Protein backbone atom coordinates (compact mmCIF):
# COMPACT_ATOMS: atom_id res chain seq x y z
CA MET A 1 -38.31 -2.64 -14.04
CA ALA A 2 -37.31 -6.04 -15.36
CA LYS A 3 -36.54 -8.93 -13.04
CA ARG A 4 -34.95 -12.08 -12.87
CA ASN A 5 -35.86 -14.78 -10.55
CA ASP A 6 -37.37 -11.85 -8.43
CA ALA A 7 -34.14 -9.86 -8.44
CA VAL A 8 -34.04 -6.51 -10.11
CA LEU A 9 -32.06 -6.19 -13.33
CA TYR A 10 -30.12 -3.20 -13.58
CA ASP A 11 -28.63 -1.64 -16.70
CA LEU A 12 -24.77 -1.18 -16.44
CA ILE A 13 -23.83 2.26 -15.12
CA PRO A 14 -21.29 4.33 -17.21
CA SER A 15 -18.40 3.41 -15.25
CA GLN A 16 -19.07 -0.30 -16.02
CA ASN A 17 -20.04 0.57 -19.46
CA ALA A 18 -16.47 1.88 -20.05
CA MET A 19 -15.05 -1.46 -19.10
CA TYR A 20 -17.63 -3.47 -21.10
CA TYR A 21 -16.72 -1.67 -23.94
CA MET A 22 -13.14 -2.77 -23.72
CA PHE A 23 -14.16 -6.05 -23.09
CA LYS A 24 -16.67 -6.57 -25.95
CA PHE A 25 -14.37 -5.16 -28.76
CA SER A 26 -11.14 -6.68 -27.63
CA LEU A 27 -9.85 -9.71 -29.10
CA HIS A 28 -8.13 -10.84 -25.82
CA LYS A 29 -10.89 -10.97 -23.02
CA ASN A 30 -8.33 -10.54 -20.21
CA VAL A 31 -8.10 -6.71 -20.80
CA MET A 32 -10.81 -6.30 -18.30
CA GLN A 33 -9.53 -7.50 -15.11
CA ILE A 34 -7.60 -6.44 -12.28
CA PRO A 35 -5.09 -9.13 -10.78
CA THR A 36 -3.51 -7.88 -7.37
CA SER A 37 -2.16 -9.59 -3.88
CA ILE A 38 -1.64 -8.46 -0.57
CA LYS A 39 1.10 -10.23 1.58
CA ALA A 40 1.87 -10.23 5.17
CA ASP A 41 5.38 -10.26 6.68
CA GLN A 42 4.04 -13.31 8.77
CA LYS A 43 1.91 -16.14 8.96
CA LEU A 44 -1.65 -15.63 8.97
CA ASP A 45 -4.46 -18.07 10.32
CA ILE A 46 -5.75 -19.52 6.96
CA GLU A 47 -9.10 -20.99 8.37
CA ALA A 48 -9.77 -17.36 9.91
CA MET A 49 -8.92 -15.99 6.63
CA LYS A 50 -11.27 -18.35 4.72
CA LYS A 51 -14.20 -17.61 7.24
CA ALA A 52 -13.48 -13.75 6.75
CA PHE A 53 -13.81 -14.03 2.95
CA ALA A 54 -17.21 -15.71 3.21
CA ILE A 55 -18.20 -12.96 5.39
CA GLU A 56 -16.92 -10.19 3.08
CA VAL A 57 -18.52 -11.62 -0.03
CA GLN A 58 -21.81 -11.04 2.16
CA ARG A 59 -20.95 -7.50 3.37
CA ASN A 60 -19.68 -6.41 0.15
CA ASP A 61 -22.67 -6.40 -2.51
CA CYS A 62 -20.54 -5.88 -5.60
CA MET A 63 -18.96 -9.24 -5.10
CA ARG A 64 -22.52 -10.90 -5.56
CA LEU A 65 -23.33 -9.43 -8.68
CA ARG A 66 -24.17 -11.54 -11.74
CA PHE A 67 -24.69 -10.52 -15.33
CA THR A 68 -26.76 -11.90 -17.95
CA MET A 69 -27.62 -11.13 -21.99
CA THR A 70 -30.99 -10.36 -22.44
CA ALA A 71 -32.98 -9.10 -25.85
CA ASN A 72 -32.11 -5.56 -24.25
CA GLY A 73 -28.54 -6.02 -23.96
CA ILE A 74 -26.48 -6.98 -20.94
CA LYS A 75 -28.12 -6.59 -17.55
CA GLN A 76 -27.09 -7.14 -14.05
CA HIS A 77 -28.58 -8.37 -10.79
CA PHE A 78 -27.46 -8.97 -7.09
CA LEU A 79 -27.66 -12.28 -5.46
CA PRO A 80 -28.98 -12.39 -1.94
CA SER A 81 -26.25 -14.71 -1.01
CA ALA A 82 -23.43 -16.27 -2.72
CA PRO A 83 -21.81 -19.24 -0.76
CA VAL A 84 -18.07 -19.53 -0.98
CA LYS A 85 -16.52 -22.37 -2.70
CA GLU A 86 -13.40 -24.28 -1.26
CA ILE A 87 -10.51 -21.51 -1.44
CA PRO A 88 -7.43 -22.78 -2.90
CA VAL A 89 -4.29 -22.68 -0.47
CA VAL A 90 -0.89 -22.63 -2.46
CA SER A 91 2.33 -22.92 -1.11
CA PHE A 92 5.56 -21.87 -2.98
CA SER A 93 9.23 -23.01 -2.60
CA SER A 94 10.59 -19.58 -4.51
CA ASP A 95 9.92 -16.25 -5.44
CA GLU A 96 10.09 -17.29 -9.13
CA GLU A 97 7.55 -20.08 -8.49
CA GLU A 98 5.11 -17.76 -6.73
CA GLU A 99 5.71 -15.05 -9.33
CA ALA A 100 4.97 -17.65 -12.57
CA TYR A 101 1.89 -19.10 -10.69
CA LEU A 102 0.25 -15.89 -9.94
CA THR A 103 1.05 -14.41 -13.47
CA ALA A 104 -0.68 -17.30 -15.19
CA ASP A 105 -3.81 -16.77 -13.33
CA ALA A 106 -3.35 -13.18 -13.76
CA GLN A 107 -3.48 -13.51 -17.63
CA LYS A 108 -6.46 -16.13 -17.68
CA SER A 109 -9.61 -14.42 -18.39
CA VAL A 110 -12.08 -14.04 -15.37
CA ARG A 111 -15.38 -15.32 -17.05
CA PHE A 112 -17.99 -12.83 -15.79
CA LEU A 113 -20.64 -13.63 -17.98
CA ARG A 114 -20.45 -17.32 -16.89
CA GLY A 115 -20.87 -16.40 -13.03
CA GLU A 116 -17.22 -15.81 -12.60
CA THR A 117 -16.53 -12.33 -11.41
CA PHE A 118 -13.34 -12.98 -9.26
CA ARG A 119 -10.88 -15.70 -8.16
CA PHE A 120 -9.51 -15.61 -4.59
CA ILE A 121 -6.41 -17.72 -3.72
CA ILE A 122 -4.64 -17.92 -0.04
CA PHE A 123 -0.77 -18.66 -0.58
CA ASN A 124 2.33 -19.09 1.53
CA ASP A 125 5.60 -17.92 0.21
CA LYS A 126 8.99 -19.32 0.53
CA ASP A 127 9.61 -17.86 3.88
CA GLY A 128 6.13 -19.15 5.10
CA ASN A 129 4.37 -15.66 5.23
CA THR A 130 0.95 -15.48 4.22
CA GLY A 131 -0.38 -13.99 1.14
CA ILE A 132 -3.95 -13.51 -0.54
CA TYR A 133 -4.28 -13.11 -4.43
CA PHE A 134 -7.24 -11.46 -5.72
CA ASN A 135 -7.98 -11.54 -9.57
CA VAL A 136 -11.50 -9.48 -10.20
CA SER A 137 -13.32 -8.23 -13.27
CA HIS A 138 -13.31 -4.51 -13.65
CA ILE A 139 -17.11 -4.63 -14.15
CA ILE A 140 -17.57 -4.99 -10.45
CA MET A 141 -14.60 -3.33 -8.89
CA ASP A 142 -12.17 -0.60 -9.80
CA ALA A 143 -8.77 0.11 -8.37
CA LEU A 144 -9.99 2.01 -5.15
CA GLY A 145 -12.88 -0.47 -4.74
CA ILE A 146 -10.13 -3.48 -4.44
CA GLY A 147 -8.25 -1.19 -2.02
CA ILE A 148 -11.53 -0.72 0.08
CA PHE A 149 -12.20 -4.76 -0.26
CA TYR A 150 -8.62 -5.50 1.12
CA ALA A 151 -9.14 -3.06 3.98
CA ASP A 152 -12.47 -4.49 5.13
CA LEU A 153 -11.24 -7.89 4.59
CA PHE A 154 -8.35 -7.49 7.12
CA ALA A 155 -10.80 -5.92 9.52
CA VAL A 156 -13.04 -8.51 9.10
CA TYR A 157 -10.01 -11.17 9.94
CA ASP A 158 -9.19 -9.29 12.72
CA ALA A 159 -12.67 -9.53 13.99
CA VAL A 160 -12.92 -13.21 13.31
CA LEU A 161 -9.41 -13.88 14.64
CA ASN A 162 -9.68 -12.08 18.00
CA GLY A 163 -13.65 -12.42 18.55
CA LYS A 164 -14.44 -8.91 18.36
CA GLU A 165 -17.53 -7.28 16.90
CA LEU A 166 -17.41 -7.08 12.93
CA PRO A 167 -16.54 -3.48 11.70
CA PRO A 168 -19.55 -1.16 10.52
CA PRO A 169 -21.48 -2.43 7.35
CA MET A 170 -20.04 -1.13 4.16
CA ALA A 171 -22.45 0.92 2.07
CA LYS A 172 -24.13 -0.71 -0.83
CA TYR A 173 -22.83 -0.46 -4.27
CA GLU A 174 -26.58 -1.13 -5.39
CA ASP A 175 -27.28 2.61 -4.26
CA ALA A 176 -24.60 3.82 -6.54
CA ILE A 177 -25.95 2.06 -9.46
CA LYS A 178 -29.49 3.58 -8.65
CA ASN A 179 -28.13 6.95 -8.37
CA ASP A 180 -25.91 6.74 -11.80
CA LEU A 181 -29.03 5.42 -13.84
CA ALA A 182 -31.26 8.25 -12.18
CA TYR A 183 -28.46 10.89 -13.37
CA LEU A 184 -29.08 9.57 -16.93
CA LYS A 185 -32.60 10.39 -16.65
CA ASN A 186 -32.00 13.88 -15.31
CA GLU A 187 -32.07 15.62 -18.75
CA LYS A 188 -31.24 19.16 -17.29
CA LYS A 189 -28.10 17.92 -15.52
CA TYR A 190 -26.99 15.58 -18.23
CA GLU A 191 -27.25 18.42 -21.02
CA LYS A 192 -25.71 20.80 -18.86
CA ASP A 193 -22.78 18.45 -18.29
CA LYS A 194 -22.57 17.50 -22.05
CA GLN A 195 -22.27 21.13 -23.16
CA PHE A 196 -19.35 21.51 -20.86
CA PHE A 197 -17.59 18.53 -23.00
CA VAL A 198 -18.58 20.12 -26.19
CA ASP A 199 -17.02 23.50 -25.23
CA TYR A 200 -14.00 21.63 -23.78
CA TRP A 201 -13.04 20.08 -27.16
CA SER A 202 -14.25 22.90 -29.30
CA ASN A 203 -12.34 25.63 -27.68
CA HIS A 204 -9.02 24.21 -26.88
CA GLY A 205 -7.77 22.82 -29.94
CA LYS A 206 -6.44 19.26 -30.72
CA PRO A 207 -4.41 17.69 -28.07
CA PHE A 208 -1.07 16.40 -28.83
CA TYR A 209 -0.05 12.72 -28.50
CA ALA A 210 3.28 12.85 -26.37
CA GLY A 211 4.01 9.24 -25.88
CA VAL A 212 6.41 7.93 -23.74
CA HIS A 213 8.20 6.09 -26.55
CA GLY A 214 8.73 9.54 -28.30
CA PRO A 215 7.50 10.85 -31.60
CA GLU A 216 8.27 8.00 -33.81
CA LEU A 217 4.66 6.31 -33.95
CA LEU A 218 3.40 9.78 -34.86
CA LEU A 219 6.16 10.58 -37.39
CA GLN A 220 5.18 7.15 -39.10
CA GLN A 221 1.63 7.89 -39.37
CA ARG A 222 2.05 11.19 -40.77
CA GLU A 223 3.94 9.76 -43.54
CA LYS A 224 1.39 7.00 -43.61
CA TYR A 225 -1.82 8.87 -43.96
CA HIS A 226 -0.15 11.82 -45.61
CA GLU A 227 -0.84 13.99 -42.92
CA PRO A 228 2.08 16.14 -42.13
CA ASP A 229 0.08 18.13 -39.43
CA LEU A 230 -1.44 14.79 -37.64
CA ARG A 231 -1.32 15.31 -34.08
CA VAL A 232 -2.83 12.23 -32.76
CA PRO A 233 -2.08 8.74 -34.24
CA ASP A 234 -3.61 5.43 -34.01
CA ALA A 235 -2.52 4.71 -30.49
CA TYR A 236 -5.44 2.37 -29.35
CA ASP A 237 -5.22 -1.29 -30.45
CA LEU A 238 -7.62 -4.16 -29.57
CA ILE A 239 -5.47 -6.70 -31.34
CA HIS A 240 -2.02 -6.20 -30.83
CA ASP A 241 -2.42 -5.45 -27.17
CA LYS A 242 0.27 -7.66 -25.53
CA CYS A 243 1.57 -5.84 -22.38
CA ASP A 244 4.04 -6.02 -19.65
CA ILE A 245 4.39 -4.78 -16.33
CA VAL A 246 7.38 -2.95 -14.55
CA ARG A 247 7.43 -1.76 -10.74
CA HIS A 248 9.75 1.16 -9.50
CA HIS A 249 10.10 1.95 -5.98
CA VAL A 250 10.29 5.68 -4.75
CA ALA A 251 12.49 5.67 -1.47
CA PRO A 252 10.65 6.43 1.72
CA GLU A 253 12.71 9.88 2.14
CA GLN A 254 11.76 10.96 -1.63
CA ALA A 255 8.27 9.71 -1.17
CA GLN A 256 7.53 11.59 2.21
CA LYS A 257 8.99 14.65 0.51
CA ILE A 258 6.34 14.57 -2.05
CA PHE A 259 3.61 13.61 0.37
CA ASN A 260 4.56 16.35 2.77
CA PHE A 261 4.56 18.90 -0.01
CA CYS A 262 1.25 17.62 -1.07
CA ARG A 263 -0.21 18.21 2.42
CA GLU A 264 1.29 21.63 2.80
CA THR A 265 0.40 22.70 -0.42
CA LYS A 266 -3.02 21.13 -0.75
CA ASN A 267 -2.16 19.52 -3.87
CA ALA A 268 -3.46 16.02 -4.74
CA PRO A 269 -0.53 13.57 -5.20
CA GLU A 270 -2.01 12.65 -8.50
CA ASN A 271 -1.58 16.26 -9.81
CA VAL A 272 1.92 16.24 -8.71
CA LEU A 273 2.89 13.26 -10.11
CA LEU A 274 1.20 13.45 -13.30
CA LEU A 275 3.18 16.85 -13.63
CA GLY A 276 6.53 14.71 -13.40
CA LEU A 277 5.48 12.22 -16.01
CA ARG A 278 3.97 14.88 -18.18
CA THR A 279 7.09 17.01 -18.36
CA HIS A 280 9.29 14.10 -19.38
CA CYS A 281 6.82 13.21 -22.17
CA SER A 282 6.85 16.81 -23.36
CA ALA A 283 10.49 16.69 -23.25
CA ILE A 284 10.96 13.69 -25.61
CA ASN A 285 8.04 15.09 -27.88
CA PHE A 286 9.34 18.27 -29.42
CA ARG A 287 8.96 20.11 -25.84
CA THR A 288 5.46 20.20 -26.57
CA ASP A 289 3.50 22.47 -24.20
CA ASP A 290 0.11 20.61 -25.19
CA THR A 291 -0.54 17.06 -23.80
CA LEU A 292 -3.49 14.70 -22.51
CA GLN A 293 -3.41 12.33 -19.86
CA ILE A 294 -6.24 10.35 -18.60
CA VAL A 295 -6.78 10.35 -14.92
CA MET A 296 -9.04 7.83 -13.26
CA CYS A 297 -11.52 9.66 -10.91
CA SER A 298 -12.79 7.49 -8.23
CA ARG A 299 -16.00 9.29 -7.73
CA ARG A 300 -15.77 8.62 -3.83
CA ALA A 301 -16.35 12.05 -2.27
CA THR A 302 -18.85 11.30 0.40
CA LEU A 303 -18.57 9.32 3.51
CA ASP A 304 -20.76 6.57 1.96
CA THR A 305 -18.89 6.14 -1.13
CA LYS A 306 -15.47 6.09 0.82
CA ARG A 307 -17.03 2.99 2.37
CA MET A 308 -18.05 1.48 -0.74
CA SER A 309 -16.33 -1.00 -3.17
CA GLY A 310 -17.73 -1.90 -6.73
CA CYS A 311 -16.80 0.05 -10.12
CA LEU A 312 -17.43 3.74 -9.72
CA ALA A 313 -14.40 5.24 -11.30
CA GLN A 314 -14.73 7.24 -14.49
CA PRO A 315 -11.70 8.31 -16.85
CA LEU A 316 -11.43 11.80 -17.06
CA GLN A 317 -9.25 13.53 -20.20
CA LEU A 318 -7.01 15.92 -18.80
CA HIS A 319 -6.04 18.29 -21.55
CA THR A 320 -3.57 20.98 -20.51
CA VAL A 321 -1.39 23.62 -22.26
CA ILE A 322 1.47 24.75 -19.95
CA PRO A 323 3.84 27.17 -21.65
CA GLU A 324 7.59 26.90 -20.78
CA ASP A 325 7.77 30.43 -18.87
CA LYS A 326 5.35 28.99 -16.04
CA THR A 327 6.74 28.00 -12.88
CA PHE A 328 6.43 24.65 -11.33
CA LYS A 329 4.03 26.00 -8.85
CA GLN A 330 1.84 27.89 -11.84
CA ALA A 331 2.10 24.51 -13.70
CA LEU A 332 0.48 22.64 -10.81
CA GLU A 333 -2.25 25.45 -10.65
CA ILE A 334 -3.14 24.89 -14.37
CA MET A 335 -3.57 21.14 -13.95
CA PHE A 336 -5.47 21.64 -10.63
CA SER A 337 -7.75 23.96 -12.38
CA VAL A 338 -8.44 22.13 -15.44
CA ARG A 339 -8.58 18.60 -13.16
CA THR A 340 -11.21 20.42 -10.87
CA GLN A 341 -13.49 21.34 -13.84
CA LEU A 342 -13.31 17.68 -15.02
CA TYR A 343 -13.93 16.26 -11.50
CA ARG A 344 -17.23 18.53 -11.12
CA ARG A 345 -18.63 16.49 -14.22
CA ALA A 346 -17.30 13.04 -13.33
CA ASP A 347 -20.77 11.69 -13.36
CA PHE A 348 -21.09 12.23 -17.18
CA PRO A 349 -20.35 9.16 -18.98
CA TYR A 350 -16.66 8.59 -20.35
CA MET A 351 -17.99 6.83 -23.38
CA HIS A 352 -20.35 9.85 -24.17
CA ALA A 353 -17.27 12.29 -23.99
CA ARG A 354 -15.37 10.18 -25.98
CA LYS A 355 -17.74 10.11 -28.60
CA LEU A 356 -18.08 14.03 -28.62
CA GLN A 357 -14.41 14.14 -28.73
CA MET A 358 -14.08 11.95 -31.83
CA ASP A 359 -16.83 13.89 -33.54
CA ILE A 360 -15.55 17.37 -32.78
CA LEU A 361 -11.98 16.49 -33.45
CA ASN A 362 -12.65 14.01 -36.09
CA TYR A 363 -10.77 11.15 -34.56
CA ARG A 364 -10.83 7.72 -35.63
CA ASN A 365 -11.85 4.90 -33.05
CA SER A 366 -8.15 3.97 -32.96
CA GLN A 367 -7.07 7.48 -32.22
CA GLY A 368 -6.27 8.57 -29.06
CA PRO A 369 -4.43 11.65 -27.71
CA SER A 370 -3.82 10.31 -24.05
CA CYS A 371 -0.15 8.74 -23.80
CA MET A 372 -1.20 7.38 -20.32
CA MET A 373 -3.90 6.73 -17.90
CA PHE A 374 -3.06 7.18 -14.38
CA THR A 375 -4.58 6.16 -10.99
CA TRP A 376 -3.62 7.16 -7.36
CA LEU A 377 -4.19 4.27 -5.00
CA PRO A 378 -4.01 5.23 -1.28
CA LEU A 379 -3.91 2.17 0.19
CA ALA A 380 -4.52 2.42 4.00
CA PHE A 381 -4.56 -0.46 6.62
CA PRO A 382 -5.34 -0.43 10.31
CA ASP A 383 -2.60 -1.98 12.61
CA TYR A 384 -2.91 -5.63 12.91
CA ASN A 385 -0.59 -6.51 15.99
CA GLY A 386 2.58 -5.07 14.05
CA ILE A 387 1.50 -7.09 11.02
CA HIS A 388 3.21 -5.09 7.82
CA PHE A 389 1.73 -5.71 4.26
CA GLU A 390 3.20 -5.56 0.65
CA PHE A 391 0.76 -4.86 -2.05
CA ARG A 392 1.58 -6.19 -5.37
CA SER A 393 -0.08 -5.65 -9.15
CA HIS A 394 0.31 -8.65 -11.41
CA ASN A 395 0.48 -8.19 -15.26
CA PRO A 396 -2.90 -9.25 -17.04
CA GLY A 397 -1.13 -10.00 -20.06
CA ARG A 398 -3.40 -7.63 -22.54
CA TYR A 399 -4.01 -3.92 -22.52
CA ILE A 400 -5.38 -1.79 -25.36
CA MET A 401 -4.22 1.56 -24.40
CA PRO A 402 -0.32 2.69 -24.60
CA MET A 403 0.32 2.70 -20.88
CA TYR A 404 -1.46 2.67 -17.71
CA VAL A 405 0.44 4.19 -14.51
CA PHE A 406 -0.60 3.56 -10.98
CA ALA A 407 0.92 4.84 -7.82
CA VAL A 408 0.83 3.16 -4.46
CA PRO A 409 1.91 4.01 -1.14
CA THR A 410 4.15 1.13 0.22
CA LEU A 411 2.93 -0.01 3.43
CA GLN A 412 5.83 -1.66 4.82
CA ASP A 413 8.64 1.25 4.39
CA GLY A 414 6.74 4.43 3.89
CA GLY A 415 7.74 4.79 0.22
CA MET A 416 5.83 4.55 -2.94
CA ASP A 417 5.70 2.05 -5.80
CA MET A 418 4.69 3.17 -9.35
CA TYR A 419 3.50 0.61 -11.51
CA TYR A 420 3.86 0.89 -15.32
CA LEU A 421 1.67 -1.50 -17.31
CA TYR A 422 2.69 -0.80 -21.02
CA ARG A 423 1.85 -2.33 -24.37
CA THR A 424 5.03 -3.89 -25.44
CA ASN A 425 4.92 -3.27 -29.38
CA TYR A 426 6.31 0.16 -28.98
CA ILE A 427 7.15 0.80 -25.34
CA THR A 428 10.25 -0.84 -23.72
CA PRO A 429 11.52 -1.16 -20.21
CA GLU A 430 14.17 1.51 -21.21
CA HIS A 431 11.34 4.04 -21.99
CA ILE A 432 9.78 3.21 -18.58
CA ARG A 433 13.06 3.60 -16.85
CA ALA A 434 13.79 7.07 -18.24
CA LEU A 435 10.18 8.24 -17.65
CA HIS A 436 10.25 7.17 -13.87
CA ASP A 437 13.52 8.79 -13.27
CA ASN A 438 13.04 11.99 -14.97
CA ALA A 439 9.44 12.35 -13.25
CA ILE A 440 10.89 12.02 -9.76
CA LYS A 441 13.87 14.32 -10.92
CA VAL A 442 11.41 16.87 -12.02
CA ILE A 443 9.15 16.60 -8.99
CA THR A 444 12.06 17.01 -6.61
CA GLU A 445 13.62 20.01 -8.39
CA GLY A 446 9.98 21.57 -8.36
CA ILE A 447 9.65 20.94 -4.53
CA ASP A 448 12.90 22.30 -3.85
CA ASP A 449 12.32 25.61 -5.90
CA PRO A 450 8.52 26.01 -6.97
CA ASP A 451 9.61 28.92 -8.87
CA ILE A 452 11.61 26.91 -10.98
CA THR A 453 10.42 27.43 -14.66
CA VAL A 454 9.08 24.51 -17.00
CA ALA A 455 11.61 25.51 -19.53
CA GLN A 456 14.38 24.88 -16.81
CA LEU A 457 12.88 21.49 -15.84
CA LEU A 458 12.84 20.59 -19.60
CA ASP A 459 16.55 21.61 -19.83
CA SER A 460 17.22 19.25 -16.99
CA ILE A 461 15.84 16.15 -18.59
CA SER A 462 18.63 14.10 -20.25
C-alpha cells in the first residue's frame, strides 16, 4: 500500500467518491460543503470551547484527513496530529449581521485539496449567547457525522469546563475506510449487490420525474427533444446551480404526533415524511403513482459506527409505485419494503448504481429522475446544566440537484425544522411553502386515519 511521509495513502471510499464527483465536475466548488451552526441559549466559556475543539480534532480522526493528487488519482491520509490554529471569535450586534456573516462564509469554498477541510468559528449573538459555526467539506463528514461531531464536542466541552473525565473515545473513521475498500475487493458480494441493481432498474419501468415545481420543465423538454413520452428531464445542472435555503418549522404538537406515530407503528420518520412530500409532488404532476426520491442512508447500524463521524452516507434511489386505491398505511408499507431492500445493499457504490441506471434506462448525465434528496438528522445532546441549543443550516450558495430536504428535531422546543435547499432557476419559495404545508397536512390526515386512501389524500391537496 502506498505511503506519504510514513502515512498510509487510501483511495476514496464510495461515499466520498460520490461527493468528489460533484466537486470535480461542478463549475462552483462550494457545492461540496456543509455549513451549519449550533447556538446555546446562554453565554459559554469561550476558552473552554477552544480547548474542547483542539481535543476534538485529536479524537475525531476524520478531521485529520488530508488529500493529495497522485499519478493514480486522488488519495487521502491521516495526520497523526493536527494542531489547531487560533480560532476566530466574532460578536454580532443584530440577527441580520450574524446571518450575513455566516452566509458569506457558507458560500466560500472549503479548499480541501489545499489542506483546509473545515472552518470553525465561535460567535456571540446580539443577546450575548454563544454559538459555534462549522463549515466542513462533505468529503470528510456527512450530515449525521456532523451531528456526531457536535454531540462529542459538547461532551468534551462539559468535561473541560467541569474537570470531568473525557467521554469514551470515538470510533475510528479509518476503520470504515478499510472496511469499504475491502468490500470493493469482495467480488462475490459486489456482484450479488450489482445484480440487485440491474434487476431494480430493469424490472420496474422508467421512473417519472415529479418535480416540486410541477410538470413545466418536463413538458418543455418533451417539446425540445421531440419526445412526447419523455419521463425524466435534464434536472441536474453543473453550471446553473445557484440555490437558496428555506426553513419551515413544525410546531411541537404536530411534530410529537408524528414522532409518536413512528414509535407506535415502528416507522422511521424519514419514511413518514417522505410519503407526505411524495404525495404533494404526485398531486401536482398528473397525479402520477410513480416517483423517485433519493434517501441518504447514514450506514451507521453498528455501535461503533454510531460513535463515528466521517463521510459514510450513501444516496439510495427510492423508486416506488403507489396506486391511488392504496391506504396511507399500505403506502408506508410499500415505501418501507423498497427502502429496506435498498438499505441491505447500502454498501454498493452509489456512482455504480447510478451508472447502471443510466445504461439500462438510457439516461444522459444530466437526466435524473429524483425530484429531491432527503436526510433525517436525529440530533440529540445530553443535558448541560439546563443549556438549550438551536441548530441551523446555512446556504452554501450552489447545489446541482433540484432540491435537498432535511428534517431535524428542534432541541429547544420539541418541534421539528424542515430545511429546503433548492435551485432557484425553477423552484420558488412559493413552491416550497406549498410542498411543506401539504406534506404535513397529508401526514396528519394519514395518522388520524391510516385507512384513508391515497386518492383521498390527493383530493385534499389544494
